Amino acid sequence: MVIFYIPGEWAYFGAAFVFWLASITDILDGYLARKLQQSTPFGAFLDPVADKVMVCVALVILVEHYQSLYVTVPAMIIISREIVISALREWMAEQGKRGNVAVSQLGKIKTAAQMLAIIGLIWQFEPWMTQLSFGLFYIATFLTFWSMVQYLTAAWSELQKSSS
């Protein structure tokens, strides 16, 4: 994301390209680890952490760059959801119920929408592409919120037990 702040016509493209490359290598890494059965506990821990850090850093930069509630509020929702679900997964793992909040298909779609939206918002290639990226950003925000509701619903019975 340092590239984003380098003066020059290519900076936004360069930053978007690096973010895209990191996103693609993350997908490939996960796919290969599962396909070749090369996953490790450390990798299973580090991969989602790295994803969240990458997305959160990009969102903070975009909030600073656009300085608009139309970016800030969705970014707050996305970052807050990541913290809540990370905490929920950790707590559910302590209860021996991590499988109840495993990554879902909706979570994967949400992540893809987020990544594509962030790439477009970083790149700012053409006005139509930026507007399309904003639309995708709002779709990603909705999917982010909806997936959080699904995860909380899946964990609700466990959450109720602990409060009794």
Protein backbone atom coordinates (compact mmCIF):
# COMPACT_ATOMS: atom_id res chain seq x y z
CA MET A 1 0.00 0.00 0.00
CA VAL A 2 3.07 2.24 0.23
CA ILE A 3 2.95 2.34 -3.58
CA PHE A 4 -0.42 4.12 -3.36
CA TYR A 5 1.33 7.20 -1.91
CA ILE A 6 4.28 7.33 -4.33
CA PRO A 7 4.01 10.39 -6.56
CA GLY A 8 3.49 9.40 -10.16
CA GLU A 9 0.84 8.49 -12.69
CA TRP A 10 1.38 4.77 -12.19
CA ALA A 11 1.01 4.72 -8.36
CA TYR A 12 -2.69 3.84 -8.20
CA PHE A 13 -2.28 1.13 -10.83
CA GLY A 14 0.81 -0.21 -9.07
CA ALA A 15 -0.96 -0.36 -5.71
CA ALA A 16 -4.03 -2.01 -7.27
CA PHE A 17 -1.80 -4.51 -9.06
CA VAL A 18 0.03 -5.48 -5.86
CA PHE A 19 -3.30 -5.84 -4.02
CA TRP A 20 -4.61 -7.96 -6.91
CA LEU A 21 -1.46 -10.10 -6.89
CA ALA A 22 -1.72 -10.62 -3.12
CA SER A 23 -5.39 -11.59 -3.53
CA ILE A 24 -4.66 -14.06 -6.33
CA THR A 25 -1.71 -15.65 -4.52
CA ASP A 26 -3.89 -16.01 -1.42
CA ILE A 27 -6.52 -17.88 -3.42
CA LEU A 28 -3.88 -20.05 -5.07
CA ASP A 29 -2.13 -20.75 -1.77
CA GLY A 30 -5.36 -21.91 -0.14
CA TYR A 31 -6.32 -24.01 -3.13
CA LEU A 32 -2.92 -25.69 -3.36
CA ALA A 33 -2.72 -26.30 0.39
CA ARG A 34 -6.06 -28.12 0.30
CA LYS A 35 -5.42 -29.94 -2.99
CA LEU A 36 -1.94 -31.14 -2.00
CA GLN A 37 -2.94 -31.68 1.63
CA GLN A 38 -0.14 -29.38 2.72
CA SER A 39 -2.03 -27.32 5.27
CA THR A 40 -0.50 -26.68 8.68
CA PRO A 41 -1.99 -25.33 11.90
CA PHE A 42 0.26 -22.26 11.57
CA GLY A 43 -0.90 -21.68 8.00
CA ALA A 44 -4.53 -22.16 9.00
CA PHE A 45 -4.01 -19.50 11.68
CA LEU A 46 -1.92 -17.06 9.65
CA ASP A 47 -3.85 -17.08 6.35
CA PRO A 48 -7.07 -15.46 7.60
CA VAL A 49 -5.09 -13.03 9.75
CA ALA A 50 -3.03 -11.91 6.75
CA ASP A 51 -6.21 -11.54 4.67
CA LYS A 52 -7.86 -9.38 7.30
CA VAL A 53 -4.80 -7.19 7.77
CA MET A 54 -4.48 -6.69 4.02
CA VAL A 55 -8.16 -5.73 3.63
CA CYS A 56 -8.22 -3.50 6.72
CA VAL A 57 -5.09 -1.59 5.69
CA ALA A 58 -6.51 -1.05 2.21
CA LEU A 59 -9.82 0.15 3.67
CA VAL A 60 -8.10 2.61 6.00
CA ILE A 61 -6.14 4.02 3.06
CA LEU A 62 -9.32 4.31 0.99
CA VAL A 63 -11.14 6.06 3.84
CA GLU A 64 -8.30 8.57 4.06
CA HIS A 65 -8.15 8.99 0.28
CA TYR A 66 -11.85 9.45 -0.45
CA GLN A 67 -12.74 11.22 2.83
CA SER A 68 -16.42 10.43 2.38
CA LEU A 69 -19.07 8.82 4.53
CA TYR A 70 -19.88 6.69 1.47
CA VAL A 71 -16.53 4.96 2.00
CA THR A 72 -16.09 5.40 5.74
CA VAL A 73 -19.36 3.76 6.87
CA PRO A 74 -18.97 0.63 4.70
CA ALA A 75 -15.31 0.37 5.78
CA MET A 76 -16.38 0.57 9.44
CA ILE A 77 -18.94 -2.18 8.87
CA ILE A 78 -16.43 -4.42 7.11
CA ILE A 79 -13.64 -3.92 9.67
CA SER A 80 -16.04 -4.33 12.60
CA ARG A 81 -17.43 -7.54 11.14
CA GLU A 82 -13.94 -8.96 10.73
CA ILE A 83 -13.16 -8.27 14.39
CA VAL A 84 -16.49 -9.68 15.62
CA ILE A 85 -16.28 -12.86 13.55
CA SER A 86 -12.62 -13.42 14.46
CA ALA A 87 -13.53 -13.17 18.13
CA LEU A 88 -16.56 -15.41 17.61
CA ARG A 89 -14.46 -18.06 15.86
CA GLU A 90 -11.88 -17.97 18.63
CA TRP A 91 -14.56 -18.30 21.29
CA MET A 92 -16.34 -21.09 19.42
CA ALA A 93 -13.02 -22.93 19.06
CA GLU A 94 -12.63 -22.75 22.85
CA GLN A 95 -16.09 -24.33 23.11
CA GLY A 96 -15.04 -27.08 20.70
CA LYS A 97 -17.58 -25.84 18.14
CA ARG A 98 -15.38 -24.09 15.58
CA GLY A 99 -17.08 -26.05 12.79
CA ASN A 100 -20.31 -24.14 13.51
CA VAL A 101 -18.65 -20.96 12.23
CA ALA A 102 -16.42 -22.37 9.49
CA VAL A 103 -15.96 -20.30 6.34
CA SER A 104 -19.11 -20.50 4.24
CA GLN A 105 -19.74 -20.07 0.52
CA LEU A 106 -21.28 -16.66 1.30
CA GLY A 107 -18.05 -15.70 3.07
CA LYS A 108 -16.06 -16.61 -0.03
CA ILE A 109 -18.36 -14.58 -2.28
CA LYS A 110 -18.13 -11.67 0.17
CA THR A 111 -14.34 -11.84 0.08
CA ALA A 112 -14.25 -11.89 -3.73
CA ALA A 113 -16.59 -8.88 -3.91
CA GLN A 114 -14.47 -7.01 -1.36
CA MET A 115 -11.23 -7.72 -3.17
CA LEU A 116 -12.58 -6.67 -6.57
CA ALA A 117 -14.17 -3.53 -5.14
CA ILE A 118 -10.97 -2.55 -3.32
CA ILE A 119 -8.87 -3.11 -6.45
CA GLY A 120 -11.17 -0.82 -8.45
CA LEU A 121 -11.27 1.84 -5.74
CA ILE A 122 -7.49 1.84 -5.48
CA TRP A 123 -6.89 1.90 -9.23
CA GLN A 124 -9.44 4.61 -10.15
CA PHE A 125 -8.73 3.89 -13.84
CA GLU A 126 -11.88 5.32 -15.41
CA PRO A 127 -14.81 7.11 -13.77
CA TRP A 128 -17.21 4.32 -14.83
CA MET A 129 -14.90 1.71 -13.32
CA THR A 130 -14.70 3.63 -10.05
CA GLN A 131 -18.51 3.89 -9.95
CA LEU A 132 -18.79 0.17 -10.67
CA SER A 133 -16.30 -0.46 -7.86
CA PHE A 134 -18.41 1.64 -5.49
CA GLY A 135 -21.45 -0.45 -6.41
CA LEU A 136 -19.49 -3.64 -5.77
CA PHE A 137 -18.21 -2.13 -2.51
CA TYR A 138 -21.78 -1.64 -1.28
CA ILE A 139 -22.72 -5.17 -2.37
CA ALA A 140 -19.66 -6.45 -0.48
CA THR A 141 -20.72 -4.44 2.56
CA PHE A 142 -24.20 -5.98 2.45
CA LEU A 143 -22.72 -9.47 2.06
CA THR A 144 -20.34 -8.72 4.91
CA PHE A 145 -23.21 -7.79 7.20
CA TRP A 146 -25.35 -10.71 6.05
CA SER A 147 -22.56 -13.24 6.57
CA MET A 148 -22.02 -11.84 10.08
CA VAL A 149 -25.71 -12.41 10.82
CA GLN A 150 -25.42 -15.98 9.52
CA TYR A 151 -22.34 -16.71 11.66
CA LEU A 152 -23.96 -15.21 14.77
CA THR A 153 -27.13 -17.21 14.10
CA ALA A 154 -25.09 -20.41 13.74
CA ALA A 155 -23.40 -19.69 17.08
CA TRP A 156 -26.47 -18.34 18.86
CA SER A 157 -27.32 -21.50 20.80
CA GLU A 158 -23.76 -21.65 22.17
CA LEU A 159 -23.84 -17.95 23.00
CA GLN A 160 -27.12 -18.45 24.88
CA LYS A 161 -25.68 -21.35 26.90
CA SER A 162 -22.76 -19.32 28.13
CA SER A 163 -24.95 -16.42 29.25
CA SER A 164 -27.20 -18.67 31.37
